[in-house]
Amino acid sequence: MYQLRLKLEQLTKLKARAAERPDVTQKLDSFTQTLMKFGPPRPRPGAPPSLFVSESTTHLFDDIQAADAAPTAASEAAVAALETRVGPMMDAWHELLESDLPALNQELKQAGFPEIKTKSEQADR
């Protein structure tokens, strides 16, 4: 979730710097839209970005652990539904980090703008 917020903050700053370059702002807008697909289906306006599946998993398992009884049928159904979404979401996240982000960074670099760094890349420096 931290990575998502960090990337959106970087994108916002880059878009402000690239205001005079519609070719760059269009690519940044497109990447922002891709990133927002990882958020909730209907985010509140102005709400901070979130990884919806990750937050849903955390809330669900917190609820299950807080109970003194076996999980309810509704909880078990929610876990099953979540399990079907986690795999594809993780695949999409890895594609974003391994393909989409490097492609955008290459275009930013060619246009003279700084690259968007992930948390691990920033820690390495």
C-alpha atoms as a PDB file:
ATOM      1  CA  MET A   1       0.000   0.000   0.000  1.00  0.00           C
ATOM      2  CA  TYR A   2       2.894   2.307   0.800  1.00  0.00           C
ATOM      3  CA  GLN A   3       4.307   1.692  -2.689  1.00  0.00           C
ATOM      4  CA  LEU A   4       0.996   2.709  -4.254  1.00  0.00           C
ATOM      5  CA  ARG A   5       0.831   5.974  -2.300  1.00  0.00           C
ATOM      6  CA  LEU A   6       4.462   6.694  -3.060  1.00  0.00           C
ATOM      7  CA  LYS A   7       3.968   6.159  -6.791  1.00  0.00           C
ATOM      8  CA  LEU A   8       0.859   8.331  -6.908  1.00  0.00           C
ATOM      9  CA  GLU A   9       2.675  11.106  -5.043  1.00  0.00           C
ATOM     10  CA  GLN A  10       5.572  10.855  -7.505  1.00  0.00           C
ATOM     11  CA  LEU A  11       3.147  10.887 -10.435  1.00  0.00           C
ATOM     12  CA  THR A  12       1.422  14.008  -9.101  1.00  0.00           C
ATOM     13  CA  LYS A  13       4.741  15.823  -8.753  1.00  0.00           C
ATOM     14  CA  LEU A  14       5.887  14.719 -12.207  1.00  0.00           C
ATOM     15  CA  LYS A  15       2.611  15.817 -13.799  1.00  0.00           C
ATOM     16  CA  ALA A  16       3.051  19.273 -12.292  1.00  0.00           C
ATOM     17  CA  ARG A  17       6.596  19.489 -13.669  1.00  0.00           C
ATOM     18  CA  ALA A  18       5.484  18.172 -17.070  1.00  0.00           C
ATOM     19  CA  ALA A  19       2.525  20.539 -17.466  1.00  0.00           C
ATOM     20  CA  GLU A  20       4.059  22.004 -20.633  1.00  0.00           C
ATOM     21  CA  ARG A  21       4.610  18.550 -22.142  1.00  0.00           C
ATOM     22  CA  PRO A  22       1.252  16.991 -23.134  1.00  0.00           C
ATOM     23  CA  ASP A  23       3.008  13.874 -24.447  1.00  0.00           C
ATOM     24  CA  VAL A  24       4.489  13.219 -21.007  1.00  0.00           C
ATOM     25  CA  THR A  25       1.366  14.160 -19.036  1.00  0.00           C
ATOM     26  CA  GLN A  26      -0.707  11.785 -21.202  1.00  0.00           C
ATOM     27  CA  LYS A  27       1.642   8.897 -20.380  1.00  0.00           C
ATOM     28  CA  LEU A  28       1.566   9.814 -16.684  1.00  0.00           C
ATOM     29  CA  ASP A  29      -2.252   9.991 -16.736  1.00  0.00           C
ATOM     30  CA  SER A  30      -2.428   6.596 -18.401  1.00  0.00           C
ATOM     31  CA  PHE A  31      -0.109   5.052 -15.820  1.00  0.00           C
ATOM     32  CA  THR A  32      -2.106   6.682 -13.004  1.00  0.00           C
ATOM     33  CA  GLN A  33      -5.288   5.078 -14.347  1.00  0.00           C
ATOM     34  CA  THR A  34      -3.558   1.684 -14.435  1.00  0.00           C
ATOM     35  CA  LEU A  35      -2.386   2.168 -10.861  1.00  0.00           C
ATOM     36  CA  MET A  36      -5.869   3.173  -9.696  1.00  0.00           C
ATOM     37  CA  LYS A  37      -7.235  -0.190 -10.878  1.00  0.00           C
ATOM     38  CA  PHE A  38      -5.609  -1.645  -7.764  1.00  0.00           C
ATOM     39  CA  GLY A  39      -7.786   0.531  -5.553  1.00  0.00           C
ATOM     40  CA  PRO A  40     -11.373   0.059  -4.427  1.00  0.00           C
ATOM     41  CA  PRO A  41     -14.069  -0.247  -7.108  1.00  0.00           C
ATOM     42  CA  ARG A  42     -15.714   3.052  -6.100  1.00  0.00           C
ATOM     43  CA  PRO A  43     -13.189   5.192  -4.198  1.00  0.00           C
ATOM     44  CA  ARG A  44     -14.368   8.187  -2.232  1.00  0.00           C
ATOM     45  CA  PRO A  45     -13.309  11.437  -3.888  1.00  0.00           C
ATOM     46  CA  GLY A  46     -10.117  12.646  -2.256  1.00  0.00           C
ATOM     47  CA  ALA A  47      -9.548   9.368  -0.403  1.00  0.00           C
ATOM     48  CA  PRO A  48      -5.916   8.262  -0.202  1.00  0.00           C
ATOM     49  CA  PRO A  49      -4.998   5.491  -2.632  1.00  0.00           C
ATOM     50  CA  SER A  50      -5.183   1.943  -1.392  1.00  0.00           C
ATOM     51  CA  LEU A  51      -4.629  -1.598  -2.507  1.00  0.00           C
ATOM     52  CA  PHE A  52      -8.197  -2.784  -2.166  1.00  0.00           C
ATOM     53  CA  VAL A  53      -7.462  -6.527  -2.074  1.00  0.00           C
ATOM     54  CA  SER A  54      -4.724  -6.061   0.502  1.00  0.00           C
ATOM     55  CA  GLU A  55      -6.904  -3.923   2.761  1.00  0.00           C
ATOM     56  CA  SER A  56      -9.869  -6.269   2.327  1.00  0.00           C
ATOM     57  CA  THR A  57      -7.700  -9.220   3.323  1.00  0.00           C
ATOM     58  CA  THR A  58      -6.381  -7.433   6.382  1.00  0.00           C
ATOM     59  CA  HIS A  59      -9.869  -6.401   7.563  1.00  0.00           C
ATOM     60  CA  LEU A  60     -11.330  -9.842   6.929  1.00  0.00           C
ATOM     61  CA  PHE A  61      -8.629 -11.704   8.824  1.00  0.00           C
ATOM     62  CA  ASP A  62      -8.701  -9.161  11.666  1.00  0.00           C
ATOM     63  CA  ASP A  63     -12.450  -9.834  11.987  1.00  0.00           C
ATOM     64  CA  ILE A  64     -11.916 -13.606  11.948  1.00  0.00           C
ATOM     65  CA  GLN A  65      -9.150 -13.461  14.568  1.00  0.00           C
ATOM     66  CA  ALA A  66     -11.177 -11.182  16.838  1.00  0.00           C
ATOM     67  CA  ALA A  67     -14.039 -13.681  17.064  1.00  0.00           C
ATOM     68  CA  ASP A  68     -14.203 -16.365  19.769  1.00  0.00           C
ATOM     69  CA  ALA A  69     -16.073 -18.728  17.468  1.00  0.00           C
ATOM     70  CA  ALA A  70     -15.472 -20.555  14.216  1.00  0.00           C
ATOM     71  CA  PRO A  71     -15.696 -18.387  11.102  1.00  0.00           C
ATOM     72  CA  THR A  72     -19.235 -17.810   9.897  1.00  0.00           C
ATOM     73  CA  ALA A  73     -20.456 -18.974   6.497  1.00  0.00           C
ATOM     74  CA  ALA A  74     -20.287 -15.346   5.355  1.00  0.00           C
ATOM     75  CA  SER A  75     -16.646 -15.089   6.472  1.00  0.00           C
ATOM     76  CA  GLU A  76     -15.771 -18.322   4.695  1.00  0.00           C
ATOM     77  CA  ALA A  77     -17.476 -17.086   1.519  1.00  0.00           C
ATOM     78  CA  ALA A  78     -15.593 -13.794   1.775  1.00  0.00           C
ATOM     79  CA  VAL A  79     -12.276 -15.656   2.124  1.00  0.00           C
ATOM     80  CA  ALA A  80     -13.088 -17.790  -0.921  1.00  0.00           C
ATOM     81  CA  ALA A  81     -14.002 -14.713  -2.962  1.00  0.00           C
ATOM     82  CA  LEU A  82     -10.819 -12.976  -1.887  1.00  0.00           C
ATOM     83  CA  GLU A  83      -8.695 -15.977  -2.807  1.00  0.00           C
ATOM     84  CA  THR A  84      -9.998 -15.842  -6.378  1.00  0.00           C
ATOM     85  CA  ARG A  85      -8.983 -12.173  -6.691  1.00  0.00           C
ATOM     86  CA  VAL A  86      -5.560 -12.282  -5.058  1.00  0.00           C
ATOM     87  CA  GLY A  87      -3.778 -14.315  -7.759  1.00  0.00           C
ATOM     88  CA  PRO A  88      -4.837 -12.186 -10.737  1.00  0.00           C
ATOM     89  CA  MET A  89      -4.258  -8.990  -8.746  1.00  0.00           C
ATOM     90  CA  MET A  90      -0.729 -10.065  -7.819  1.00  0.00           C
ATOM     91  CA  ASP A  91      -0.021 -11.032 -11.441  1.00  0.00           C
ATOM     92  CA  ALA A  92      -1.192  -7.600 -12.578  1.00  0.00           C
ATOM     93  CA  TRP A  93       0.886  -5.878  -9.866  1.00  0.00           C
ATOM     94  CA  HIS A  94       4.021  -7.764 -10.949  1.00  0.00           C
ATOM     95  CA  GLU A  95       3.361  -6.853 -14.575  1.00  0.00           C
ATOM     96  CA  LEU A  96       2.989  -3.221 -13.570  1.00  0.00           C
ATOM     97  CA  LEU A  97       6.316  -3.273 -11.705  1.00  0.00           C
ATOM     98  CA  GLU A  98       8.230  -5.414 -14.219  1.00  0.00           C
ATOM     99  CA  SER A  99       6.873  -4.088 -17.521  1.00  0.00           C
ATOM    100  CA  ASP A 100       4.665  -0.988 -17.327  1.00  0.00           C
ATOM    101  CA  LEU A 101       6.804   0.991 -14.874  1.00  0.00           C
ATOM    102  CA  PRO A 102      10.122   0.344 -16.676  1.00  0.00           C
ATOM    103  CA  ALA A 103       8.505   1.352 -19.986  1.00  0.00           C
ATOM    104  CA  LEU A 104       7.185   4.585 -18.454  1.00  0.00           C
ATOM    105  CA  ASN A 105      10.550   5.266 -16.809  1.00  0.00           C
ATOM    106  CA  GLN A 106      12.312   4.853 -20.145  1.00  0.00           C
ATOM    107  CA  GLU A 107       9.966   7.393 -21.723  1.00  0.00           C
ATOM    108  CA  LEU A 108      10.409   9.786 -18.786  1.00  0.00           C
ATOM    109  CA  LYS A 109      14.179   9.470 -19.006  1.00  0.00           C
ATOM    110  CA  GLN A 110      14.130  10.179 -22.750  1.00  0.00           C
ATOM    111  CA  ALA A 111      11.995  13.274 -22.094  1.00  0.00           C
ATOM    112  CA  GLY A 112      14.445  14.518 -19.439  1.00  0.00           C
ATOM    113  CA  PHE A 113      12.311  13.752 -16.376  1.00  0.00           C
ATOM    114  CA  PRO A 114      13.251  11.713 -13.297  1.00  0.00           C
ATOM    115  CA  GLU A 115      12.191   8.094 -13.135  1.00  0.00           C
ATOM    116  CA  ILE A 116       9.554   6.819 -10.732  1.00  0.00           C
ATOM    117  CA  LYS A 117      11.307   4.761  -8.083  1.00  0.00           C
ATOM    118  CA  THR A 118       9.851   1.901  -6.095  1.00  0.00           C
ATOM    119  CA  LYS A 119      10.439   1.642  -2.365  1.00  0.00           C
ATOM    120  CA  SER A 120      13.099  -1.053  -2.859  1.00  0.00           C
ATOM    121  CA  GLU A 121      14.933   1.035  -5.468  1.00  0.00           C
ATOM    122  CA  GLN A 122      14.966   4.011  -3.115  1.00  0.00           C
ATOM    123  CA  ALA A 123      16.305   1.863  -0.265  1.00  0.00           C
ATOM    124  CA  ASP A 124      19.141   0.615  -2.477  1.00  0.00           C
ATOM    125  CA  ARG A 125      20.454   4.136  -2.988  1.00  0.00           C
END
